[in-house]
Amino acid sequence: MRSRSNPCPRGEGRARQEGEIHVIHGTAEGAQAIQRLRDDLAELVHTLGAEIAGCSVWQPNEISIQRYQPGALGITPHLDLKRYHYLVGIITADGAAPFTSVLDR
């Protein structure tokens, strides 16, 4: 497992953001709670997405944990980068996080 924690980049593509980010590449070895969540998510995708090509073998390959403090900008509406072309999951672990889908992005 490789990981790093840093302030979020102020901008990536069109998105602007303010917060902290921790990125894990690979299987999340050494972070048992995150690895369990990763494995449970993969099992759900395999089961519930069985009719969708590729879902039966899908595995997360990057986990980004982002924290936005109260009153911070968070992240602005954006189109995810091409490297996130297959499946993006957003989970709020604590507090409230409004989510808006913008159709013209």
PDB file of N, CA and C in Angstrom:
ATOM      1  N   MET A   1       0.847  -1.180   0.000  1.00  0.00           N
ATOM      2  CA  MET A   1       0.000   0.000   0.000  1.00  0.00           C
ATOM      3  C   MET A   1       0.885   1.233   0.000  1.00  0.00           C
ATOM      4  N   ARG A   2       0.617   2.156  -0.915  1.00  0.00           N
ATOM      5  CA  ARG A   2       1.266   3.464  -0.899  1.00  0.00           C
ATOM      6  C   ARG A   2       0.195   4.469  -0.498  1.00  0.00           C
ATOM      7  N   SER A   3       0.529   5.428   0.313  1.00  0.00           N
ATOM      8  CA  SER A   3      -0.454   6.449   0.676  1.00  0.00           C
ATOM      9  C   SER A   3       0.251   7.760   0.972  1.00  0.00           C
ATOM     10  N   ARG A   4      -0.529   8.827   0.939  1.00  0.00           N
ATOM     11  CA  ARG A   4       0.006  10.142   1.268  1.00  0.00           C
ATOM     12  C   ARG A   4      -1.133  11.034   1.740  1.00  0.00           C
ATOM     13  N   SER A   5      -0.839  11.958   2.640  1.00  0.00           N
ATOM     14  CA  SER A   5      -1.816  12.939   3.103  1.00  0.00           C
ATOM     15  C   SER A   5      -1.295  14.325   2.794  1.00  0.00           C
ATOM     16  N   ASN A   6      -2.141  15.173   2.271  1.00  0.00           N
ATOM     17  CA  ASN A   6      -1.756  16.532   1.893  1.00  0.00           C
ATOM     18  C   ASN A   6      -2.987  17.418   1.887  1.00  0.00           C
ATOM     19  N   PRO A   7      -2.775  18.729   1.859  1.00  0.00           N
ATOM     20  CA  PRO A   7      -3.913  19.598   1.554  1.00  0.00           C
ATOM     21  C   PRO A   7      -4.397  19.267   0.144  1.00  0.00           C
ATOM     22  N   CYS A   8      -5.700  19.384  -0.100  1.00  0.00           N
ATOM     23  CA  CYS A   8      -6.219  19.189  -1.451  1.00  0.00           C
ATOM     24  C   CYS A   8      -5.588  20.227  -2.363  1.00  0.00           C
ATOM     25  N   PRO A   9      -5.269  19.857  -3.610  1.00  0.00           N
ATOM     26  CA  PRO A   9      -4.820  20.884  -4.550  1.00  0.00           C
ATOM     27  C   PRO A   9      -5.929  21.920  -4.718  1.00  0.00           C
ATOM     28  N   ARG A  10      -5.596  23.194  -4.761  1.00  0.00           N
ATOM     29  CA  ARG A  10      -6.615  24.253  -4.865  1.00  0.00           C
ATOM     30  C   ARG A  10      -7.437  24.111  -6.140  1.00  0.00           C
ATOM     31  N   GLY A  11      -6.847  23.529  -7.181  1.00  0.00           N
ATOM     32  CA  GLY A  11      -7.577  23.338  -8.419  1.00  0.00           C
ATOM     33  C   GLY A  11      -7.042  22.147  -9.166  1.00  0.00           C
ATOM     34  N   GLU A  12      -7.939  21.406  -9.807  1.00  0.00           N
ATOM     35  CA  GLU A  12      -7.549  20.298 -10.662  1.00  0.00           C
ATOM     36  C   GLU A  12      -8.556  20.307 -11.804  1.00  0.00           C
ATOM     37  N   GLY A  13      -8.079  20.612 -13.007  1.00  0.00           N
ATOM     38  CA  GLY A  13      -9.026  20.828 -14.101  1.00  0.00           C
ATOM     39  C   GLY A  13      -9.863  22.058 -13.779  1.00  0.00           C
ATOM     40  N   ARG A  14     -11.169  21.935 -13.920  1.00  0.00           N
ATOM     41  CA  ARG A  14     -12.066  23.061 -13.617  1.00  0.00           C
ATOM     42  C   ARG A  14     -12.471  23.129 -12.154  1.00  0.00           C
ATOM     43  N   ALA A  15     -12.257  22.053 -11.415  1.00  0.00           N
ATOM     44  CA  ALA A  15     -12.693  22.004 -10.017  1.00  0.00           C
ATOM     45  C   ALA A  15     -11.810  22.866  -9.130  1.00  0.00           C
ATOM     46  N   ARG A  16     -12.423  23.509  -8.175  1.00  0.00           N
ATOM     47  CA  ARG A  16     -11.723  24.249  -7.131  1.00  0.00           C
ATOM     48  C   ARG A  16     -12.129  23.596  -5.823  1.00  0.00           C
ATOM     49  N   GLN A  17     -11.157  23.444  -4.916  1.00  0.00           N
ATOM     50  CA  GLN A  17     -11.480  22.774  -3.668  1.00  0.00           C
ATOM     51  C   GLN A  17     -10.638  23.290  -2.525  1.00  0.00           C
ATOM     52  N   GLU A  18     -11.140  23.043  -1.319  1.00  0.00           N
ATOM     53  CA  GLU A  18     -10.453  23.460  -0.099  1.00  0.00           C
ATOM     54  C   GLU A  18     -10.703  22.369   0.939  1.00  0.00           C
ATOM     55  N   GLY A  19      -9.667  21.660   1.325  1.00  0.00           N
ATOM     56  CA  GLY A  19      -9.799  20.587   2.306  1.00  0.00           C
ATOM     57  C   GLY A  19      -8.505  19.805   2.407  1.00  0.00           C
ATOM     58  N   GLU A  20      -8.607  18.594   2.963  1.00  0.00           N
ATOM     59  CA  GLU A  20      -7.457  17.712   3.103  1.00  0.00           C
ATOM     60  C   GLU A  20      -7.749  16.418   2.361  1.00  0.00           C
ATOM     61  N   ILE A  21      -6.701  15.759   1.856  1.00  0.00           N
ATOM     62  CA  ILE A  21      -6.878  14.513   1.115  1.00  0.00           C
ATOM     63  C   ILE A  21      -5.820  13.496   1.546  1.00  0.00           C
ATOM     64  N   HIS A  22      -6.246  12.254   1.632  1.00  0.00           N
ATOM     65  CA  HIS A  22      -5.353  11.119   1.891  1.00  0.00           C
ATOM     66  C   HIS A  22      -5.644  10.109   0.791  1.00  0.00           C
ATOM     67  N   VAL A  23      -4.649   9.741   0.008  1.00  0.00           N
ATOM     68  CA  VAL A  23      -4.840   8.845  -1.129  1.00  0.00           C
ATOM     69  C   VAL A  23      -4.136   7.527  -0.846  1.00  0.00           C
ATOM     70  N   ILE A  24      -4.860   6.413  -1.086  1.00  0.00           N
ATOM     71  CA  ILE A  24      -4.307   5.070  -0.943  1.00  0.00           C
ATOM     72  C   ILE A  24      -4.377   4.402  -2.302  1.00  0.00           C
ATOM     73  N   HIS A  25      -3.257   3.897  -2.783  1.00  0.00           N
ATOM     74  CA  HIS A  25      -3.204   3.145  -4.035  1.00  0.00           C
ATOM     75  C   HIS A  25      -3.034   1.677  -3.689  1.00  0.00           C
ATOM     76  N   GLY A  26      -3.760   0.802  -4.367  1.00  0.00           N
ATOM     77  CA  GLY A  26      -3.608  -0.632  -4.142  1.00  0.00           C
ATOM     78  C   GLY A  26      -4.675  -1.195  -3.239  1.00  0.00           C
ATOM     79  N   THR A  27      -4.294  -2.144  -2.393  1.00  0.00           N
ATOM     80  CA  THR A  27      -5.261  -2.934  -1.642  1.00  0.00           C
ATOM     81  C   THR A  27      -5.547  -2.428  -0.240  1.00  0.00           C
ATOM     82  N   ALA A  28      -4.932  -1.385   0.220  1.00  0.00           N
ATOM     83  CA  ALA A  28      -5.121  -0.807   1.557  1.00  0.00           C
ATOM     84  C   ALA A  28      -4.576  -1.701   2.656  1.00  0.00           C
ATOM     85  N   GLU A  29      -3.547  -2.488   2.351  1.00  0.00           N
ATOM     86  CA  GLU A  29      -2.915  -3.313   3.386  1.00  0.00           C
ATOM     87  C   GLU A  29      -2.437  -2.424   4.525  1.00  0.00           C
ATOM     88  N   GLY A  30      -2.608  -2.885   5.747  1.00  0.00           N
ATOM     89  CA  GLY A  30      -2.184  -2.116   6.908  1.00  0.00           C
ATOM     90  C   GLY A  30      -3.257  -1.170   7.419  1.00  0.00           C
ATOM     91  N   ALA A  31      -4.327  -1.005   6.697  1.00  0.00           N
ATOM     92  CA  ALA A  31      -5.461  -0.178   7.125  1.00  0.00           C
ATOM     93  C   ALA A  31      -6.696  -1.086   7.095  1.00  0.00           C
ATOM     94  N   GLN A  32      -6.847  -1.892   8.151  1.00  0.00           N
ATOM     95  CA  GLN A  32      -7.849  -2.953   8.142  1.00  0.00           C
ATOM     96  C   GLN A  32      -9.273  -2.451   7.931  1.00  0.00           C
ATOM     97  N   ALA A  33      -9.666  -1.364   8.565  1.00  0.00           N
ATOM     98  CA  ALA A  33     -11.034  -0.861   8.410  1.00  0.00           C
ATOM     99  C   ALA A  33     -11.291  -0.430   6.963  1.00  0.00           C
ATOM    100  N   ILE A  34     -10.324   0.247   6.372  1.00  0.00           N
ATOM    101  CA  ILE A  34     -10.480   0.679   4.978  1.00  0.00           C
ATOM    102  C   ILE A  34     -10.475  -0.525   4.051  1.00  0.00           C
ATOM    103  N   GLN A  35      -9.634  -1.504   4.335  1.00  0.00           N
ATOM    104  CA  GLN A  35      -9.610  -2.704   3.500  1.00  0.00           C
ATOM    105  C   GLN A  35     -10.941  -3.451   3.574  1.00  0.00           C
ATOM    106  N   ARG A  36     -11.552  -3.539   4.762  1.00  0.00           N
ATOM    107  CA  ARG A  36     -12.871  -4.185   4.880  1.00  0.00           C
ATOM    108  C   ARG A  36     -13.915  -3.435   4.070  1.00  0.00           C
ATOM    109  N   LEU A  37     -13.914  -2.108   4.168  1.00  0.00           N
ATOM    110  CA  LEU A  37     -14.856  -1.308   3.380  1.00  0.00           C
ATOM    111  C   LEU A  37     -14.625  -1.511   1.886  1.00  0.00           C
ATOM    112  N   ARG A  38     -13.368  -1.531   1.471  1.00  0.00           N
ATOM    113  CA  ARG A  38     -13.010  -1.759   0.069  1.00  0.00           C
ATOM    114  C   ARG A  38     -13.524  -3.110  -0.396  1.00  0.00           C
ATOM    115  N   ASP A  39     -13.278  -4.163   0.394  1.00  0.00           N
ATOM    116  CA  ASP A  39     -13.705  -5.513   0.020  1.00  0.00           C
ATOM    117  C   ASP A  39     -15.231  -5.622  -0.025  1.00  0.00           C
ATOM    118  N   ASP A  40     -15.923  -5.004   0.961  1.00  0.00           N
ATOM    119  CA  ASP A  40     -17.387  -5.026   0.976  1.00  0.00           C
ATOM    120  C   ASP A  40     -17.957  -4.298  -0.240  1.00  0.00           C
ATOM    121  N   LEU A  41     -17.351  -3.166  -0.600  1.00  0.00           N
ATOM    122  CA  LEU A  41     -17.805  -2.429  -1.778  1.00  0.00           C
ATOM    123  C   LEU A  41     -17.623  -3.260  -3.038  1.00  0.00           C
ATOM    124  N   ALA A  42     -16.461  -3.890  -3.184  1.00  0.00           N
ATOM    125  CA  ALA A  42     -16.216  -4.724  -4.364  1.00  0.00           C
ATOM    126  C   ALA A  42     -17.230  -5.858  -4.442  1.00  0.00           C
ATOM    127  N   GLU A  43     -17.532  -6.485  -3.318  1.00  0.00           N
ATOM    128  CA  GLU A  43     -18.521  -7.579  -3.303  1.00  0.00           C
ATOM    129  C   GLU A  43     -19.904  -7.078  -3.735  1.00  0.00           C
ATOM    130  N   LEU A  44     -20.291  -5.899  -3.249  1.00  0.00           N
ATOM    131  CA  LEU A  44     -21.585  -5.328  -3.665  1.00  0.00           C
ATOM    132  C   LEU A  44     -21.623  -5.040  -5.162  1.00  0.00           C
ATOM    133  N   VAL A  45     -20.552  -4.471  -5.682  1.00  0.00           N
ATOM    134  CA  VAL A  45     -20.499  -4.179  -7.117  1.00  0.00           C
ATOM    135  C   VAL A  45     -20.561  -5.477  -7.912  1.00  0.00           C
ATOM    136  N   HIS A  46     -19.858  -6.493  -7.466  1.00  0.00           N
ATOM    137  CA  HIS A  46     -19.880  -7.789  -8.163  1.00  0.00           C
ATOM    138  C   HIS A  46     -21.287  -8.367  -8.175  1.00  0.00           C
ATOM    139  N   THR A  47     -21.972  -8.291  -7.045  1.00  0.00           N
ATOM    140  CA  THR A  47     -23.309  -8.878  -6.917  1.00  0.00           C
ATOM    141  C   THR A  47     -24.365  -8.040  -7.628  1.00  0.00           C
ATOM    142  N   LEU A  48     -24.417  -6.759  -7.304  1.00  0.00           N
ATOM    143  CA  LEU A  48     -25.483  -5.898  -7.840  1.00  0.00           C
ATOM    144  C   LEU A  48     -25.239  -5.479  -9.283  1.00  0.00           C
ATOM    145  N   GLY A  49     -23.988  -5.518  -9.721  1.00  0.00           N
ATOM    146  CA  GLY A  49     -23.678  -5.122 -11.091  1.00  0.00           C
ATOM    147  C   GLY A  49     -23.394  -6.296 -11.996  1.00  0.00           C
ATOM    148  N   ALA A  50     -23.806  -7.494 -11.586  1.00  0.00           N
ATOM    149  CA  ALA A  50     -23.481  -8.712 -12.343  1.00  0.00           C
ATOM    150  C   ALA A  50     -23.914  -8.635 -13.794  1.00  0.00           C
ATOM    151  N   GLU A  51     -24.954  -7.872 -14.094  1.00  0.00           N
ATOM    152  CA  GLU A  51     -25.468  -7.758 -15.466  1.00  0.00           C
ATOM    153  C   GLU A  51     -24.698  -6.733 -16.301  1.00  0.00           C
ATOM    154  N   ILE A  52     -23.805  -5.983 -15.652  1.00  0.00           N
ATOM    155  CA  ILE A  52     -23.060  -4.924 -16.341  1.00  0.00           C
ATOM    156  C   ILE A  52     -21.655  -5.433 -16.657  1.00  0.00           C
ATOM    157  N   ALA A  53     -21.264  -5.332 -17.914  1.00  0.00           N
ATOM    158  CA  ALA A  53     -19.946  -5.820 -18.339  1.00  0.00           C
ATOM    159  C   ALA A  53     -18.836  -5.207 -17.490  1.00  0.00           C
ATOM    160  N   GLY A  54     -17.967  -6.044 -16.982  1.00  0.00           N
ATOM    161  CA  GLY A  54     -16.821  -5.594 -16.208  1.00  0.00           C
ATOM    162  C   GLY A  54     -17.038  -5.552 -14.712  1.00  0.00           C
ATOM    163  N   CYS A  55     -18.277  -5.472 -14.266  1.00  0.00           N
ATOM    164  CA  CYS A  55     -18.533  -5.342 -12.827  1.00  0.00           C
ATOM    165  C   CYS A  55     -18.199  -6.607 -12.041  1.00  0.00           C
ATOM    166  N   SER A  56     -18.264  -7.761 -12.671  1.00  0.00           N
ATOM    167  CA  SER A  56     -18.015  -9.008 -11.934  1.00  0.00           C
ATOM    168  C   SER A  56     -16.557  -9.156 -11.506  1.00  0.00           C
ATOM    169  N   VAL A  57     -15.658  -8.392 -12.104  1.00  0.00           N
ATOM    170  CA  VAL A  57     -14.239  -8.470 -11.747  1.00  0.00           C
ATOM    171  C   VAL A  57     -13.668  -7.130 -11.267  1.00  0.00           C
ATOM    172  N   TRP A  58     -14.522  -6.133 -11.128  1.00  0.00           N
ATOM    173  CA  TRP A  58     -14.064  -4.798 -10.738  1.00  0.00           C
ATOM    174  C   TRP A  58     -13.443  -4.812  -9.346  1.00  0.00           C
ATOM    175  N   GLN A  59     -12.340  -4.078  -9.194  1.00  0.00           N
ATOM    176  CA  GLN A  59     -11.691  -3.877  -7.894  1.00  0.00           C
ATOM    177  C   GLN A  59     -11.270  -2.416  -7.795  1.00  0.00           C
ATOM    178  N   PRO A  60     -11.516  -1.786  -6.645  1.00  0.00           N
ATOM    179  CA  PRO A  60     -11.017  -0.423  -6.463  1.00  0.00           C
ATOM    180  C   PRO A  60      -9.494  -0.414  -6.557  1.00  0.00           C
ATOM    181  N   ASN A  61      -8.939   0.586  -7.242  1.00  0.00           N
ATOM    182  CA  ASN A  61      -7.482   0.672  -7.344  1.00  0.00           C
ATOM    183  C   ASN A  61      -6.940   1.956  -6.718  1.00  0.00           C
ATOM    184  N   GLU A  62      -7.844   2.818  -6.253  1.00  0.00           N
ATOM    185  CA  GLU A  62      -7.422   4.039  -5.579  1.00  0.00           C
ATOM    186  C   GLU A  62      -8.528   4.467  -4.631  1.00  0.00           C
ATOM    187  N   ILE A  63      -8.145   4.827  -3.422  1.00  0.00           N
ATOM    188  CA  ILE A  63      -9.094   5.312  -2.433  1.00  0.00           C
ATOM    189  C   ILE A  63      -8.638   6.709  -2.033  1.00  0.00           C
ATOM    190  N   SER A  64      -9.520   7.685  -2.178  1.00  0.00           N
ATOM    191  CA  SER A  64      -9.219   9.052  -1.764  1.00  0.00           C
ATOM    192  C   SER A  64     -10.127   9.401  -0.599  1.00  0.00           C
ATOM    193  N   ILE A  65      -9.533   9.720   0.522  1.00  0.00           N
ATOM    194  CA  ILE A  65     -10.287  10.132   1.698  1.00  0.00           C
ATOM    195  C   ILE A  65     -10.115  11.631   1.806  1.00  0.00           C
ATOM    196  N   GLN A  66     -11.220  12.363   1.690  1.00  0.00           N
ATOM    197  CA  GLN A  66     -11.145  13.821   1.716  1.00  0.00           C
ATOM    198  C   GLN A  66     -11.924  14.346   2.909  1.00  0.00           C
ATOM    199  N   ARG A  67     -11.381  15.368   3.538  1.00  0.00           N
ATOM    200  CA  ARG A  67     -12.038  15.991   4.682  1.00  0.00           C
ATOM    201  C   ARG A  67     -12.161  17.479   4.415  1.00  0.00           C
ATOM    202  N   TYR A  68     -13.375  17.965   4.564  1.00  0.00           N
ATOM    203  CA  TYR A  68     -13.659  19.388   4.385  1.00  0.00           C
ATOM    204  C   TYR A  68     -14.155  19.932   5.721  1.00  0.00           C
ATOM    205  N   GLN A  69     -13.475  20.940   6.235  1.00  0.00           N
ATOM    206  CA  GLN A  69     -13.855  21.548   7.502  1.00  0.00           C
ATOM    207  C   GLN A  69     -15.115  22.398   7.314  1.00  0.00           C
ATOM    208  N   PRO A  70     -15.928  22.561   8.377  1.00  0.00           N
ATOM    209  CA  PRO A  70     -17.110  23.423   8.278  1.00  0.00           C
ATOM    210  C   PRO A  70     -16.727  24.809   7.767  1.00  0.00           C
ATOM    211  N   GLY A  71     -17.487  25.310   6.824  1.00  0.00           N
ATOM    212  CA  GLY A  71     -17.242  26.629   6.262  1.00  0.00           C
ATOM    213  C   GLY A  71     -16.237  26.647   5.121  1.00  0.00           C
ATOM    214  N   ALA A  72     -15.574  25.513   4.867  1.00  0.00           N
ATOM    215  CA  ALA A  72     -14.612  25.439   3.764  1.00  0.00           C
ATOM    216  C   ALA A  72     -15.352  25.354   2.438  1.00  0.00           C
ATOM    217  N   LEU A  73     -14.674  25.678   1.366  1.00  0.00           N
ATOM    218  CA  LEU A  73     -15.245  25.637   0.023  1.00  0.00           C
ATOM    219  C   LEU A  73     -15.743  24.242  -0.341  1.00  0.00           C
ATOM    220  N   GLY A  74     -15.053  23.189   0.134  1.00  0.00           N
ATOM    221  CA  GLY A  74     -15.384  21.833  -0.315  1.00  0.00           C
ATOM    222  C   GLY A  74     -14.847  21.664  -1.719  1.00  0.00           C
ATOM    223  N   ILE A  75     -15.692  21.174  -2.639  1.00  0.00           N
ATOM    224  CA  ILE A  75     -15.275  21.038  -4.039  1.00  0.00           C
ATOM    225  C   ILE A  75     -16.395  21.547  -4.927  1.00  0.00           C
ATOM    226  N   THR A  76     -16.027  22.292  -5.949  1.00  0.00           N
ATOM    227  CA  THR A  76     -17.018  22.893  -6.843  1.00  0.00           C
ATOM    228  C   THR A  76     -17.504  21.870  -7.870  1.00  0.00           C
ATOM    229  N   PRO A  77     -18.650  22.124  -8.539  1.00  0.00           N
ATOM    230  CA  PRO A  77     -19.110  21.206  -9.593  1.00  0.00           C
ATOM    231  C   PRO A  77     -18.028  21.009 -10.647  1.00  0.00           C
ATOM    232  N   HIS A  78     -17.892  19.750 -11.101  1.00  0.00           N
ATOM    233  CA  HIS A  78     -16.829  19.422 -12.044  1.00  0.00           C
ATOM    234  C   HIS A  78     -17.150  18.118 -12.753  1.00  0.00           C
ATOM    235  N   LEU A  79     -16.438  17.856 -13.810  1.00  0.00           N
ATOM    236  CA  LEU A  79     -16.468  16.576 -14.511  1.00  0.00           C
ATOM    237  C   LEU A  79     -15.246  15.814 -14.022  1.00  0.00           C
ATOM    238  N   ASP A  80     -15.452  14.578 -13.535  1.00  0.00           N
ATOM    239  CA  ASP A  80     -14.311  13.808 -13.044  1.00  0.00           C
ATOM    240  C   ASP A  80     -13.291  13.603 -14.158  1.00  0.00           C
ATOM    241  N   LEU A  81     -12.047  13.487 -13.762  1.00  0.00           N
ATOM    242  CA  LEU A  81     -10.967  13.287 -14.724  1.00  0.00           C
ATOM    243  C   LEU A  81     -11.126  11.946 -15.442  1.00  0.00           C
ATOM    244  N   LYS A  82     -10.548  11.832 -16.631  1.00  0.00           N
ATOM    245  CA  LYS A  82     -10.679  10.615 -17.437  1.00  0.00           C
ATOM    246  C   LYS A  82     -10.147   9.379 -16.729  1.00  0.00           C
ATOM    247  N   ARG A  83      -9.190   9.536 -15.824  1.00  0.00           N
ATOM    248  CA  ARG A  83      -8.667   8.355 -15.131  1.00  0.00           C
ATOM    249  C   ARG A  83      -9.709   7.721 -14.215  1.00  0.00           C
ATOM    250  N   TYR A  84     -10.798   8.436 -13.936  1.00  0.00           N
ATOM    251  CA  TYR A  84     -11.893   7.902 -13.128  1.00  0.00           C
ATOM    252  C   TYR A  84     -13.071   7.563 -14.037  1.00  0.00           C
ATOM    253  N   HIS A  85     -12.814   6.869 -15.127  1.00  0.00           N
ATOM    254  CA  HIS A  85     -13.826   6.679 -16.160  1.00  0.00           C
ATOM    255  C   HIS A  85     -14.825   5.564 -15.887  1.00  0.00           C
ATOM    256  N   TYR A  86     -14.563   4.658 -14.972  1.00  0.00           N
ATOM    257  CA  TYR A  86     -15.431   3.499 -14.862  1.00  0.00           C
ATOM    258  C   TYR A  86     -16.440   3.602 -13.723  1.00  0.00           C
ATOM    259  N   LEU A  87     -15.974   3.759 -12.503  1.00  0.00           N
ATOM    260  CA  LEU A  87     -16.872   3.794 -11.354  1.00  0.00           C
ATOM    261  C   LEU A  87     -16.293   4.720 -10.303  1.00  0.00           C
ATOM    262  N   VAL A  88     -17.093   5.666  -9.864  1.00  0.00           N
ATOM    263  CA  VAL A  88     -16.712   6.577  -8.794  1.00  0.00           C
ATOM    264  C   VAL A  88     -17.758   6.439  -7.706  1.00  0.00           C
ATOM    265  N   GLY A  89     -17.325   6.188  -6.474  1.00  0.00           N
ATOM    266  CA  GLY A  89     -18.244   6.097  -5.347  1.00  0.00           C
ATOM    267  C   GLY A  89     -17.972   7.217  -4.375  1.00  0.00           C
ATOM    268  N   ILE A  90     -19.041   7.801  -3.839  1.00  0.00           N
ATOM    269  CA  ILE A  90     -18.906   8.879  -2.868  1.00  0.00           C
ATOM    270  C   ILE A  90     -19.655   8.452  -1.618  1.00  0.00           C
ATOM    271  N   ILE A  91     -18.953   8.392  -0.496  1.00  0.00           N
ATOM    272  CA  ILE A  91     -19.528   7.947   0.762  1.00  0.00           C
ATOM    273  C   ILE A  91     -19.235   9.004   1.815  1.00  0.00           C
ATOM    274  N   THR A  92     -20.256   9.444   2.532  1.00  0.00           N
ATOM    275  CA  THR A  92     -20.069  10.385   3.628  1.00  0.00           C
ATOM    276  C   THR A  92     -20.015   9.582   4.919  1.00  0.00           C
ATOM    277  N   ALA A  93     -18.879   9.623   5.608  1.00  0.00           N
ATOM    278  CA  ALA A  93     -18.688   8.824   6.814  1.00  0.00           C
ATOM    279  C   ALA A  93     -19.166   9.543   8.067  1.00  0.00           C
ATOM    280  N   ASP A  94     -19.186  10.868   8.053  1.00  0.00           N
ATOM    281  CA  ASP A  94     -19.553  11.613   9.239  1.00  0.00           C
ATOM    282  C   ASP A  94     -20.116  12.963   8.824  1.00  0.00           C
ATOM    283  N   GLY A  95     -21.176  13.393   9.456  1.00  0.00           N
ATOM    284  CA  GLY A  95     -21.755  14.693   9.162  1.00  0.00           C
ATOM    285  C   GLY A  95     -22.667  14.654   7.943  1.00  0.00           C
ATOM    286  N   ALA A  96     -22.903  15.792   7.369  1.00  0.00           N
ATOM    287  CA  ALA A  96     -23.763  15.925   6.194  1.00  0.00           C
ATOM    288  C   ALA A  96     -22.934  16.438   5.032  1.00  0.00           C
ATOM    289  N   ALA A  97     -23.272  15.979   3.844  1.00  0.00           N
ATOM    290  CA  ALA A  97     -22.526  16.408   2.663  1.00  0.00           C
ATOM    291  C   ALA A  97     -23.496  16.537   1.507  1.00  0.00           C
ATOM    292  N   PRO A  98     -23.994  17.743   1.239  1.00  0.00           N
ATOM    293  CA  PRO A  98     -24.904  17.898   0.089  1.00  0.00           C
ATOM    294  C   PRO A  98     -24.201  17.520  -1.202  1.00  0.00           C
ATOM    295  N   PHE A  99     -24.916  16.857  -2.090  1.00  0.00           N
ATOM    296  CA  PHE A  99     -24.371  16.416  -3.368  1.00  0.00           C
ATOM    297  C   PHE A  99     -25.317  16.886  -4.461  1.00  0.00           C
ATOM    298  N   THR A 100     -24.763  17.501  -5.491  1.00  0.00           N
ATOM    299  CA  THR A 100     -25.558  17.993  -6.604  1.00  0.00           C
ATOM    300  C   THR A 100     -25.025  17.408  -7.901  1.00  0.00           C
ATOM    301  N   SER A 101     -25.919  16.892  -8.711  1.00  0.00           N
ATOM    302  CA  SER A 101     -25.541  16.417 -10.042  1.00  0.00           C
ATOM    303  C   SER A 101     -25.808  17.551 -11.035  1.00  0.00           C
ATOM    304  N   VAL A 102     -24.774  17.960 -11.753  1.00  0.00           N
ATOM    305  CA  VAL A 102     -24.881  19.069 -12.702  1.00  0.00           C
ATOM    306  C   VAL A 102     -24.890  18.484 -14.101  1.00  0.00           C
ATOM    307  N   LEU A 103     -25.969  18.683 -14.828  1.00  0.00           N
ATOM    308  CA  LEU A 103     -26.152  18.038 -16.135  1.00  0.00           C
ATOM    309  C   LEU A 103     -25.314  18.621 -17.255  1.00  0.00           C
ATOM    310  N   ASP A 104     -24.826  19.857 -17.110  1.00  0.00           N
ATOM    311  CA  ASP A 104     -24.080  20.478 -18.234  1.00  0.00           C
ATOM    312  C   ASP A 104     -22.567  20.395 -18.047  1.00  0.00           C
ATOM    313  N   ARG A 105     -22.084  19.466 -17.260  1.00  0.00           N
ATOM    314  CA  ARG A 105     -20.631  19.311 -17.075  1.00  0.00           C
ATOM    315  C   ARG A 105     -20.190  18.001 -17.644  1.00  0.00           C
TER     316      ARG A 105
END
